[in-house]
PDB file of N, CA and C in Angstrom:
ATOM      1  N   UNK A   1     107.361 103.790  51.775  1.00  0.00           N
ATOM      2  CA  UNK A   1     106.974 103.315  53.448  1.00  0.00           C
ATOM      3  C   UNK A   1     106.225 101.812  53.700  1.00  0.00           C
ATOM      4  N   UNK A   2     105.459 102.120  52.291  1.00  0.00           N
ATOM      5  CA  UNK A   2     104.185 100.623  52.222  1.00  0.00           C
ATOM      6  C   UNK A   2     105.274  99.452  51.837  1.00  0.00           C
ATOM      7  N   UNK A   3     106.510  99.576  51.591  1.00  0.00           N
ATOM      8  CA  UNK A   3     106.906  98.375  51.323  1.00  0.00           C
ATOM      9  C   UNK A   3     107.801  97.529  52.668  1.00  0.00           C
ATOM     10  N   UNK A   4     107.968  99.124  53.059  1.00  0.00           N
ATOM     11  CA  UNK A   4     108.771  98.334  54.735  1.00  0.00           C
ATOM     12  C   UNK A   4     107.641  97.888  55.190  1.00  0.00           C
ATOM     13  N   UNK A   5     106.201  98.329  55.500  1.00  0.00           N
ATOM     14  CA  UNK A   5     105.094  97.575  56.255  1.00  0.00           C
ATOM     15  C   UNK A   5     104.643  96.355  55.647  1.00  0.00           C
ATOM     16  N   UNK A   6     104.945  96.025  54.403  1.00  0.00           N
ATOM     17  CA  UNK A   6     104.217  95.227  53.927  1.00  0.00           C
ATOM     18  C   UNK A   6     105.292  94.001  53.858  1.00  0.00           C
ATOM     19  N   UNK A   7     106.810  94.077  54.061  1.00  0.00           N
ATOM     20  CA  UNK A   7     107.674  93.290  54.514  1.00  0.00           C
ATOM     21  C   UNK A   7     107.341  92.655  56.048  1.00  0.00           C
ATOM     22  N   UNK A   8     107.068  94.028  57.089  1.00  0.00           N
ATOM     23  CA  UNK A   8     106.818  93.367  58.225  1.00  0.00           C
ATOM     24  C   UNK A   8     105.570  92.916  58.191  1.00  0.00           C
ATOM     25  N   UNK A   9     104.535  92.106  57.541  1.00  0.00           N
ATOM     26  CA  UNK A   9     103.013  91.988  57.674  1.00  0.00           C
ATOM     27  C   UNK A   9     103.132  90.077  58.242  1.00  0.00           C
ATOM     28  N   UNK A  10     104.299  89.318  57.154  1.00  0.00           N
ATOM     29  CA  UNK A  10     104.210  88.287  58.179  1.00  0.00           C
ATOM     30  C   UNK A  10     104.631  88.018  59.702  1.00  0.00           C
ATOM     31  N   UNK A  11     105.737  89.012  59.793  1.00  0.00           N
ATOM     32  CA  UNK A  11     105.943  88.970  61.508  1.00  0.00           C
ATOM     33  C   UNK A  11     105.134  89.170  62.242  1.00  0.00           C
ATOM     34  N   UNK A  12     104.287  90.678  61.845  1.00  0.00           N
ATOM     35  CA  UNK A  12     103.087  90.977  62.346  1.00  0.00           C
ATOM     36  C   UNK A  12     101.937  89.641  62.860  1.00  0.00           C
ATOM     37  N   UNK A  13     101.644  89.157  61.997  1.00  0.00           N
ATOM     38  CA  UNK A  13     100.389  88.189  61.624  1.00  0.00           C
ATOM     39  C   UNK A  13     100.883  87.056  62.950  1.00  0.00           C
ATOM     40  N   UNK A  14     102.120  86.632  62.543  1.00  0.00           N
ATOM     41  CA  UNK A  14     102.774  85.680  63.336  1.00  0.00           C
ATOM     42  C   UNK A  14     102.612  85.935  65.320  1.00  0.00           C
ATOM     43  N   UNK A  15     102.893  86.879  65.129  1.00  0.00           N
ATOM     44  CA  UNK A  15     102.867  87.487  66.278  1.00  0.00           C
ATOM     45  C   UNK A  15     101.567  87.816  67.200  1.00  0.00           C
ATOM     46  N   UNK A  16     100.687  88.196  66.268  1.00  0.00           N
ATOM     47  CA  UNK A  16      99.223  88.319  66.871  1.00  0.00           C
ATOM     48  C   UNK A  16      98.152  87.169  66.816  1.00  0.00           C
ATOM     49  N   UNK A  17      98.888  85.782  66.261  1.00  0.00           N
ATOM     50  CA  UNK A  17      98.377  84.733  66.380  1.00  0.00           C
ATOM     51  C   UNK A  17      97.212  84.697  64.945  1.00  0.00           C
ATOM     52  N   UNK A  18      97.045  85.908  64.138  1.00  0.00           N
ATOM     53  CA  UNK A  18      96.325  85.818  62.977  1.00  0.00           C
ATOM     54  C   UNK A  18      96.664  84.641  62.105  1.00  0.00           C
ATOM     55  N   UNK A  19      97.867  83.911  61.886  1.00  0.00           N
ATOM     56  CA  UNK A  19      98.003  83.700  61.000  1.00  0.00           C
ATOM     57  C   UNK A  19      97.483  82.252  61.119  1.00  0.00           C
ATOM     58  N   UNK A  20      97.223  81.792  62.386  1.00  0.00           N
ATOM     59  CA  UNK A  20      96.426  80.492  62.886  1.00  0.00           C
ATOM     60  C   UNK A  20      95.153  80.007  63.151  1.00  0.00           C
ATOM     61  N   UNK A  21      94.622  81.528  62.499  1.00  0.00           N
ATOM     62  CA  UNK A  21      93.381  81.933  62.517  1.00  0.00           C
ATOM     63  C   UNK A  21      92.511  81.662  60.831  1.00  0.00           C
ATOM     64  N   UNK A  22      90.744  81.402  60.953  1.00  0.00           N
ATOM     65  CA  UNK A  22      90.629  81.653  59.976  1.00  0.00           C
ATOM     66  C   UNK A  22      90.279  82.837  59.351  1.00  0.00           C
ATOM     67  N   UNK A  23      90.134  83.070  58.384  1.00  0.00           N
ATOM     68  CA  UNK A  23      89.711  84.566  57.919  1.00  0.00           C
ATOM     69  C   UNK A  23      88.017  84.663  58.595  1.00  0.00           C
ATOM     70  N   UNK A  24      88.671  86.145  59.135  1.00  0.00           N
ATOM     71  CA  UNK A  24      87.223  86.592  59.188  1.00  0.00           C
ATOM     72  C   UNK A  24      86.787  86.187  60.707  1.00  0.00           C
ATOM     73  N   UNK A  25      87.698  85.389  61.685  1.00  0.00           N
ATOM     74  CA  UNK A  25      87.614  85.225  63.055  1.00  0.00           C
ATOM     75  C   UNK A  25      88.476  86.323  63.859  1.00  0.00           C
ATOM     76  N   UNK A  26      87.716  86.791  65.038  1.00  0.00           N
ATOM     77  CA  UNK A  26      87.704  87.868  66.046  1.00  0.00           C
ATOM     78  C   UNK A  26      88.873  87.072  67.121  1.00  0.00           C
ATOM     79  N   UNK A  27      89.718  87.543  67.508  1.00  0.00           N
ATOM     80  CA  UNK A  27      90.982  87.264  67.986  1.00  0.00           C
ATOM     81  C   UNK A  27      91.122  87.978  69.695  1.00  0.00           C
ATOM     82  N   UNK A  28      89.804  88.328  69.792  1.00  0.00           N
ATOM     83  CA  UNK A  28      89.941  88.997  71.141  1.00  0.00           C
ATOM     84  C   UNK A  28      89.643  87.737  72.730  1.00  0.00           C
ATOM     85  N   UNK A  29      89.122  87.161  72.589  1.00  0.00           N
ATOM     86  CA  UNK A  29      88.798  86.154  73.640  1.00  0.00           C
ATOM     87  C   UNK A  29      89.948  84.941  73.821  1.00  0.00           C
ATOM     88  N   UNK A  30      89.599  84.077  74.199  1.00  0.00           N
ATOM     89  CA  UNK A  30      91.102  83.209  74.787  1.00  0.00           C
ATOM     90  C   UNK A  30      90.948  81.699  73.453  1.00  0.00           C
ATOM     91  N   UNK A  31      90.058  81.748  72.895  1.00  0.00           N
ATOM     92  CA  UNK A  31      89.706  81.215  71.876  1.00  0.00           C
ATOM     93  C   UNK A  31      89.047  79.400  72.028  1.00  0.00           C
ATOM     94  N   UNK A  32      88.823  79.245  73.310  1.00  0.00           N
ATOM     95  CA  UNK A  32      88.748  78.008  74.123  1.00  0.00           C
ATOM     96  C   UNK A  32      87.317  78.087  73.686  1.00  0.00           C
ATOM     97  N   UNK A  33      86.547  76.733  74.432  1.00  0.00           N
ATOM     98  CA  UNK A  33      85.039  76.475  74.170  1.00  0.00           C
ATOM     99  C   UNK A  33      84.131  77.619  75.198  1.00  0.00           C
ATOM    100  N   UNK A  34      83.120  77.102  74.859  1.00  0.00           N
ATOM    101  CA  UNK A  34      82.388  78.177  75.841  1.00  0.00           C
ATOM    102  C   UNK A  34      82.367  77.552  77.497  1.00  0.00           C
ATOM    103  N   UNK A  35      82.533  76.118  77.853  1.00  0.00           N
ATOM    104  CA  UNK A  35      82.797  75.869  79.076  1.00  0.00           C
ATOM    105  C   UNK A  35      84.500  75.972  79.407  1.00  0.00           C
ATOM    106  N   UNK A  36      85.099  76.150  78.731  1.00  0.00           N
ATOM    107  CA  UNK A  36      86.551  76.359  78.955  1.00  0.00           C
ATOM    108  C   UNK A  36      86.668  77.743  79.682  1.00  0.00           C
ATOM    109  N   UNK A  37      85.553  79.332  78.405  1.00  0.00           N
ATOM    110  CA  UNK A  37      85.362  80.590  79.290  1.00  0.00           C
ATOM    111  C   UNK A  37      84.716  80.709  80.045  1.00  0.00           C
ATOM    112  N   UNK A  38      83.886  80.044  80.719  1.00  0.00           N
ATOM    113  CA  UNK A  38      83.429  79.846  82.027  1.00  0.00           C
ATOM    114  C   UNK A  38      83.798  79.320  83.154  1.00  0.00           C
ATOM    115  N   UNK A  39      84.453  78.273  82.514  1.00  0.00           N
ATOM    116  CA  UNK A  39      85.974  78.060  84.162  1.00  0.00           C
ATOM    117  C   UNK A  39      86.612  78.583  84.482  1.00  0.00           C
ATOM    118  N   UNK A  40      87.324  79.689  83.236  1.00  0.00           N
ATOM    119  CA  UNK A  40      87.756  80.698  83.624  1.00  0.00           C
ATOM    120  C   UNK A  40      87.429  81.817  83.995  1.00  0.00           C
ATOM    121  N   UNK A  41      86.308  82.276  83.767  1.00  0.00           N
ATOM    122  CA  UNK A  41      85.169  83.628  84.678  1.00  0.00           C
ATOM    123  C   UNK A  41      85.001  82.968  86.273  1.00  0.00           C
ATOM    124  N   UNK A  42      85.567  81.431  86.157  1.00  0.00           N
ATOM    125  CA  UNK A  42      84.611  81.193  87.709  1.00  0.00           C
ATOM    126  C   UNK A  42      86.112  81.227  88.015  1.00  0.00           C
ATOM    127  N   UNK A  43      86.776  80.461  87.701  1.00  0.00           N
ATOM    128  CA  UNK A  43      88.494  80.892  88.382  1.00  0.00           C
ATOM    129  C   UNK A  43      88.669  82.305  88.624  1.00  0.00           C
ATOM    130  N   UNK A  44      88.236  83.771  88.011  1.00  0.00           N
ATOM    131  CA  UNK A  44      88.861  85.351  88.401  1.00  0.00           C
ATOM    132  C   UNK A  44      87.556  85.349  89.134  1.00  0.00           C
ATOM    133  N   UNK A  45      85.945  84.477  89.445  1.00  0.00           N
ATOM    134  CA  UNK A  45      85.790  85.215  90.796  1.00  0.00           C
ATOM    135  C   UNK A  45      86.059  85.080  91.492  1.00  0.00           C
ATOM    136  N   UNK A  46      86.581  83.696  91.922  1.00  0.00           N
ATOM    137  CA  UNK A  46      87.360  82.778  93.163  1.00  0.00           C
ATOM    138  C   UNK A  46      88.674  83.523  93.546  1.00  0.00           C
ATOM    139  N   UNK A  47      89.258  84.394  92.578  1.00  0.00           N
ATOM    140  CA  UNK A  47      90.418  85.186  93.148  1.00  0.00           C
ATOM    141  C   UNK A  47      90.384  86.081  93.648  1.00  0.00           C
ATOM    142  N   UNK A  48      89.297  86.830  92.766  1.00  0.00           N
ATOM    143  CA  UNK A  48      88.788  88.327  93.123  1.00  0.00           C
ATOM    144  C   UNK A  48      88.158  88.212  94.512  1.00  0.00           C
ATOM    145  N   UNK A  49      87.308  87.265  95.108  1.00  0.00           N
ATOM    146  CA  UNK A  49      86.835  87.109  96.178  1.00  0.00           C
ATOM    147  C   UNK A  49      87.442  86.735  97.280  1.00  0.00           C
ATOM    148  N   UNK A  50      88.874  86.388  96.997  1.00  0.00           N
ATOM    149  CA  UNK A  50      89.946  85.957  98.150  1.00  0.00           C
ATOM    150  C   UNK A  50      90.574  87.567  97.823  1.00  0.00           C
ATOM    151  N   UNK A  51      91.411  87.647  96.771  1.00  0.00           N
ATOM    152  CA  UNK A  51      92.262  89.040  97.089  1.00  0.00           C
ATOM    153  C   UNK A  51      91.765  90.467  97.206  1.00  0.00           C
ATOM    154  N   UNK A  52      90.671  90.403  96.933  1.00  0.00           N
ATOM    155  CA  UNK A  52      89.986  92.220  97.166  1.00  0.00           C
ATOM    156  C   UNK A  52      90.277  91.841  98.404  1.00  0.00           C
ATOM    157  N   UNK A  53      89.247  91.250  99.108  1.00  0.00           N
ATOM    158  CA  UNK A  53      88.786  91.460 101.351  1.00  0.00           C
ATOM    159  C   UNK A  53      90.159  91.279 101.545  1.00  0.00           C
ATOM    160  N   UNK A  54      91.240  90.512 101.089  1.00  0.00           N
ATOM    161  CA  UNK A  54      92.936  90.422 101.913  1.00  0.00           C
ATOM    162  C   UNK A  54      93.421  91.364 101.821  1.00  0.00           C
ATOM    163  N   UNK A  55      93.533  92.583 100.447  1.00  0.00           N
ATOM    164  CA  UNK A  55      93.804  93.803 100.283  1.00  0.00           C
ATOM    165  C   UNK A  55      93.477  95.378 100.662  1.00  0.00           C
ATOM    166  N   UNK A  56      92.000  94.494 101.262  1.00  0.00           N
ATOM    167  CA  UNK A  56      91.477  95.400 102.053  1.00  0.00           C
ATOM    168  C   UNK A  56      91.520  95.755 103.462  1.00  0.00           C
ATOM    169  N   UNK A  57      91.652  94.492 103.655  1.00  0.00           N
ATOM    170  CA  UNK A  57      92.446  93.852 105.148  1.00  0.00           C
ATOM    171  C   UNK A  57      93.512  94.386 105.890  1.00  0.00           C
ATOM    172  N   UNK A  58      94.269  94.256 104.951  1.00  0.00           N
ATOM    173  CA  UNK A  58      95.955  94.419 104.568  1.00  0.00           C
ATOM    174  C   UNK A  58      96.083  96.507 104.195  1.00  0.00           C
ATOM    175  N   UNK A  59      95.445  97.109 103.640  1.00  0.00           N
ATOM    176  CA  UNK A  59      95.147  98.577 104.005  1.00  0.00           C
ATOM    177  C   UNK A  59      94.620  98.785 104.963  1.00  0.00           C
ATOM    178  N   UNK A  60      93.923  98.209 105.406  1.00  0.00           N
ATOM    179  CA  UNK A  60      93.046  99.007 107.123  1.00  0.00           C
ATOM    180  C   UNK A  60      94.170  98.871 107.663  1.00  0.00           C
ATOM    181  N   UNK A  61      94.832  97.361 108.381  1.00  0.00           N
ATOM    182  CA  UNK A  61      95.875  97.308 108.825  1.00  0.00           C
ATOM    183  C   UNK A  61      96.774  98.121 109.180  1.00  0.00           C
ATOM    184  N   UNK A  62      97.274  98.461 107.868  1.00  0.00           N
ATOM    185  CA  UNK A  62      98.875  99.388 107.446  1.00  0.00           C
ATOM    186  C   UNK A  62      98.098 101.186 108.278  1.00  0.00           C
ATOM    187  N   UNK A  63      97.087 101.108 107.752  1.00  0.00           N
ATOM    188  CA  UNK A  63      96.764 102.748 108.038  1.00  0.00           C
ATOM    189  C   UNK A  63      96.295 102.876 109.524  1.00  0.00           C
ATOM    190  N   UNK A  64      95.704 101.753 110.388  1.00  0.00           N
ATOM    191  CA  UNK A  64      95.251 101.603 111.448  1.00  0.00           C
ATOM    192  C   UNK A  64      96.725 101.712 112.698  1.00  0.00           C
ATOM    193  N   UNK A  65      97.813 101.065 112.262  1.00  0.00           N
ATOM    194  CA  UNK A  65      98.686 101.037 112.768  1.00  0.00           C
ATOM    195  C   UNK A  65     100.219 101.825 111.867  1.00  0.00           C
ATOM    196  N   UNK A  66      99.385 102.857 111.368  1.00  0.00           N
ATOM    197  CA  UNK A  66     100.513 103.721 111.344  1.00  0.00           C
ATOM    198  C   UNK A  66     100.977 105.192 111.959  1.00  0.00           C
ATOM    199  N   UNK A  67     102.492 104.980 112.582  1.00  0.00           N
ATOM    200  CA  UNK A  67     102.346 106.356 113.263  1.00  0.00           C
ATOM    201  C   UNK A  67     103.341 107.113 112.129  1.00  0.00           C
ATOM    202  N   UNK A  68     103.717 108.331 113.003  1.00  0.00           N
ATOM    203  CA  UNK A  68     104.608 109.690 112.232  1.00  0.00           C
ATOM    204  C   UNK A  68     106.199 109.351 113.026  1.00  0.00           C
ATOM    205  N   UNK A  69     106.830 109.263 111.762  1.00  0.00           N
ATOM    206  CA  UNK A  69     108.334 109.038 112.602  1.00  0.00           C
ATOM    207  C   UNK A  69     108.903 110.524 111.896  1.00  0.00           C
ATOM    208  N   UNK A  70     109.087 111.360 112.765  1.00  0.00           N
ATOM    209  CA  UNK A  70     109.865 112.534 112.453  1.00  0.00           C
ATOM    210  C   UNK A  70     111.210 112.477 113.081  1.00  0.00           C
ATOM    211  N   UNK A  71     111.822 112.681 111.984  1.00  0.00           N
ATOM    212  CA  UNK A  71     113.030 112.285 111.391  1.00  0.00           C
ATOM    213  C   UNK A  71     113.748 113.660 111.985  1.00  0.00           C
ATOM    214  N   UNK A  72     114.722 113.800 113.221  1.00  0.00           N
ATOM    215  CA  UNK A  72     115.872 114.927 113.562  1.00  0.00           C
ATOM    216  C   UNK A  72     116.341 115.294 112.123  1.00  0.00           C
ATOM    217  N   UNK A  73     115.870 116.612 111.784  1.00  0.00           N
ATOM    218  CA  UNK A  73     116.773 117.217 110.823  1.00  0.00           C
ATOM    219  C   UNK A  73     117.886 117.981 111.378  1.00  0.00           C
ATOM    220  N   UNK A  74     118.982 117.285 110.329  1.00  0.00           N
ATOM    221  CA  UNK A  74     120.285 117.962 110.712  1.00  0.00           C
ATOM    222  C   UNK A  74     120.736 119.342 109.860  1.00  0.00           C
ATOM    223  N   UNK A  75     120.678 120.382 110.851  1.00  0.00           N
ATOM    224  CA  UNK A  75     121.277 121.472 109.542  1.00  0.00           C
ATOM    225  C   UNK A  75     122.279 121.401 109.055  1.00  0.00           C
ATOM    226  N   UNK A  76     122.158 120.997 107.910  1.00  0.00           N
ATOM    227  CA  UNK A  76     123.213 121.125 106.978  1.00  0.00           C
ATOM    228  C   UNK A  76     123.662 122.333 106.444  1.00  0.00           C
ATOM    229  N   UNK A  77     124.559 122.791 106.489  1.00  0.00           N
ATOM    230  CA  UNK A  77     125.039 124.167 105.931  1.00  0.00           C
ATOM    231  C   UNK A  77     125.130 124.372 104.509  1.00  0.00           C
ATOM    232  N   UNK A  78     125.332 123.219 103.769  1.00  0.00           N
ATOM    233  CA  UNK A  78     125.564 123.686 102.276  1.00  0.00           C
ATOM    234  C   UNK A  78     124.204 123.477 101.490  1.00  0.00           C
ATOM    235  N   UNK A  79     123.112 122.833 102.415  1.00  0.00           N
ATOM    236  CA  UNK A  79     122.082 123.150 101.772  1.00  0.00           C
ATOM    237  C   UNK A  79     121.155 124.335 101.812  1.00  0.00           C
ATOM    238  N   UNK A  80     121.392 125.605 102.522  1.00  0.00           N
ATOM    239  CA  UNK A  80     121.126 126.915 102.530  1.00  0.00           C
ATOM    240  C   UNK A  80     121.749 128.068 101.968  1.00  0.00           C
ATOM    241  N   UNK A  81     122.714 127.473 100.934  1.00  0.00           N
ATOM    242  CA  UNK A  81     123.844 128.599 100.453  1.00  0.00           C
ATOM    243  C   UNK A  81     123.460 129.271  99.648  1.00  0.00           C
ATOM    244  N   UNK A  82     122.226 130.414  99.543  1.00  0.00           N
ATOM    245  CA  UNK A  82     121.444 131.196  98.402  1.00  0.00           C
ATOM    246  C   UNK A  82     122.542 132.544  98.514  1.00  0.00           C
ATOM    247  N   UNK A  83     122.595 133.132  97.581  1.00  0.00           N
ATOM    248  CA  UNK A  83     123.258 134.172  97.066  1.00  0.00           C
ATOM    249  C   UNK A  83     122.111 135.527  97.302  1.00  0.00           C
ATOM    250  N   UNK A  84     120.769 135.426  96.815  1.00  0.00           N
ATOM    251  CA  UNK A  84     119.940 136.338  97.220  1.00  0.00           C
ATOM    252  C   UNK A  84     119.015 135.360  97.916  1.00  0.00           C
ATOM    253  N   UNK A  85     117.338 136.557  97.988  1.00  0.00           N
ATOM    254  CA  UNK A  85     116.201 135.996  98.734  1.00  0.00           C
ATOM    255  C   UNK A  85     114.960 135.817  98.244  1.00  0.00           C
ATOM    256  N   UNK A  86     114.304 134.816  98.332  1.00  0.00           N
ATOM    257  CA  UNK A  86     113.031 134.446  97.516  1.00  0.00           C
ATOM    258  C   UNK A  86     112.111 135.830  97.314  1.00  0.00           C
ATOM    259  N   UNK A  87     111.288 136.008  95.912  1.00  0.00           N
ATOM    260  CA  UNK A  87     110.786 137.176  96.195  1.00  0.00           C
ATOM    261  C   UNK A  87     109.773 137.052  97.145  1.00  0.00           C
ATOM    262  N   UNK A  88     109.771 136.442  97.942  1.00  0.00           N
ATOM    263  CA  UNK A  88     107.924 136.262  98.923  1.00  0.00           C
ATOM    264  C   UNK A  88     108.947 136.725 100.095  1.00  0.00           C
ATOM    265  N   UNK A  89     108.050 137.617 100.896  1.00  0.00           N
ATOM    266  CA  UNK A  89     107.751 138.402 102.260  1.00  0.00           C
ATOM    267  C   UNK A  89     109.100 137.571 103.358  1.00  0.00           C
ATOM    268  N   UNK A  90     108.840 136.152 103.384  1.00  0.00           N
ATOM    269  CA  UNK A  90     110.151 135.441 104.033  1.00  0.00           C
ATOM    270  C   UNK A  90     111.020 135.085 103.351  1.00  0.00           C
ATOM    271  N   UNK A  91     111.651 135.680 102.545  1.00  0.00           N
ATOM    272  CA  UNK A  91     112.653 135.148 101.962  1.00  0.00           C
ATOM    273  C   UNK A  91     113.567 134.268 101.921  1.00  0.00           C
ATOM    274  N   UNK A  92     114.175 133.924 103.216  1.00  0.00           N
ATOM    275  CA  UNK A  92     114.868 132.781 103.145  1.00  0.00           C
ATOM    276  C   UNK A  92     114.842 131.376 103.652  1.00  0.00           C
ATOM    277  N   UNK A  93     112.897 131.138 103.115  1.00  0.00           N
ATOM    278  CA  UNK A  93     112.327 129.854 103.014  1.00  0.00           C
ATOM    279  C   UNK A  93     112.115 129.708 101.646  1.00  0.00           C
ATOM    280  N   UNK A  94     112.681 128.622 101.102  1.00  0.00           N
ATOM    281  CA  UNK A  94     112.471 127.780 100.216  1.00  0.00           C
ATOM    282  C   UNK A  94     110.996 127.581  99.629  1.00  0.00           C
ATOM    283  N   UNK A  95     110.050 127.564  98.883  1.00  0.00           N
ATOM    284  CA  UNK A  95     108.651 127.190  98.430  1.00  0.00           C
ATOM    285  C   UNK A  95     108.349 125.897  99.331  1.00  0.00           C
ATOM    286  N   UNK A  96     109.065 124.755  99.731  1.00  0.00           N
ATOM    287  CA  UNK A  96     109.005 123.275  99.645  1.00  0.00           C
ATOM    288  C   UNK A  96     109.406 123.149 100.823  1.00  0.00           C
ATOM    289  N   UNK A  97     110.254 123.724 101.527  1.00  0.00           N
ATOM    290  CA  UNK A  97     110.463 123.869 103.068  1.00  0.00           C
ATOM    291  C   UNK A  97     109.573 123.590 103.754  1.00  0.00           C
ATOM    292  N   UNK A  98     109.905 122.959 104.735  1.00  0.00           N
ATOM    293  CA  UNK A  98     109.009 122.476 106.076  1.00  0.00           C
ATOM    294  C   UNK A  98     109.005 123.506 106.526  1.00  0.00           C
ATOM    295  N   UNK A  99     107.924 123.993 107.489  1.00  0.00           N
ATOM    296  CA  UNK A  99     107.645 125.086 108.436  1.00  0.00           C
ATOM    297  C   UNK A  99     107.780 124.535 109.900  1.00  0.00           C
ATOM    298  N   UNK A 100     108.362 125.675 110.425  1.00  0.00           N
ATOM    299  CA  UNK A 100     109.350 125.035 111.416  1.00  0.00           C
ATOM    300  C   UNK A 100     108.775 126.289 112.418  1.00  0.00           C
TER     301      UNK A 100
END
């Protein structure tokens, strides 16, 4: 097992970027300078400031204009072919059938 794991170590290091990093470097951030990191943070603040209100407004619009469309139910005969009743008092109605 360890021989197979050792064989994949170079591939794993190449995919994670650890091959290019100095020994002991943490690879959790973007790797840029502090100015680049601040610019990236400000970019995502601006994107969030635009997208969050837009999503809230869209959700409000969708919920405010929602209307219930009741489809006409066609009583297909092959859907209620039952050989025995269900074990509750109204045995001809399935558990998740709509109440009529």
